[in-house]
Amino acid sequence: MTRSTSISVNVQWGDCDPADIVFFPNFNRWMDASAQHFFTQCGVPRWRELETTRGIVGTPLLEINTKFYKPATYGDHIEVHTCVEEWRAKGDSASNWMFQALAYLGDDRRAKQLTPIIRDWPASNGQAKALMGLEILAAIGTDTALAQIQAIARKNKYPNRRSQGQTGDLALRRSEALFCINESLH
């Protein structure tokens, strides 16, 4: 599931070095602008809003790859494409910021998008990822996310009882939490 976005850049005279080619740090600036556009298109709020609403100060950029094919000069029109081909954990699951961000930023739409991915993970030796996905749905904490957990528990045939039990436990824990909140309000 690769998603891609792009921005258009009109190269200005001030973007070039004395040899009339784009000064290479400008490509990084344009890639950053394209990445911001990518995350905006994916529904990630602006960084200041994330800090105010969720306490998240930015997102780490762990790796960047650049391959130059030919020089650009002023007057050229270029397209800067951004895509994420694969999300991979760096370090242990506790440092997996993308999943943590989903738990904080997730909503009903994200819960529905995540559900088929969680269902597919156990079939490809991704039981640990599937369980983390279930925790994310539980952390999202909406009725829709709970319904997704329950649907996964009904439909998936996990390879062991422990995984199946944890799926049900997440739904039960969420139901109990909702009941306690409901009781405290009345």
Foldseek 3Di string as FASTA:
>chain_A
DKDKDKDKDQAAQVQADPVQWGDVVVLVVRLVVRVVVVVVVVVDDDQVVCCVQPVDRDDDDDDDDDDDDDTDGHRDMDMHMDMDPDQDADPDPVRSVVLVVCLRVPDLVVLVVCLVVLLCQQVVVNLVVSLSSLVSLLSNLDPSSLVSLVVSLVPHDHPDPVSSVSSVVSSVVSVVVVVVVVVVVD
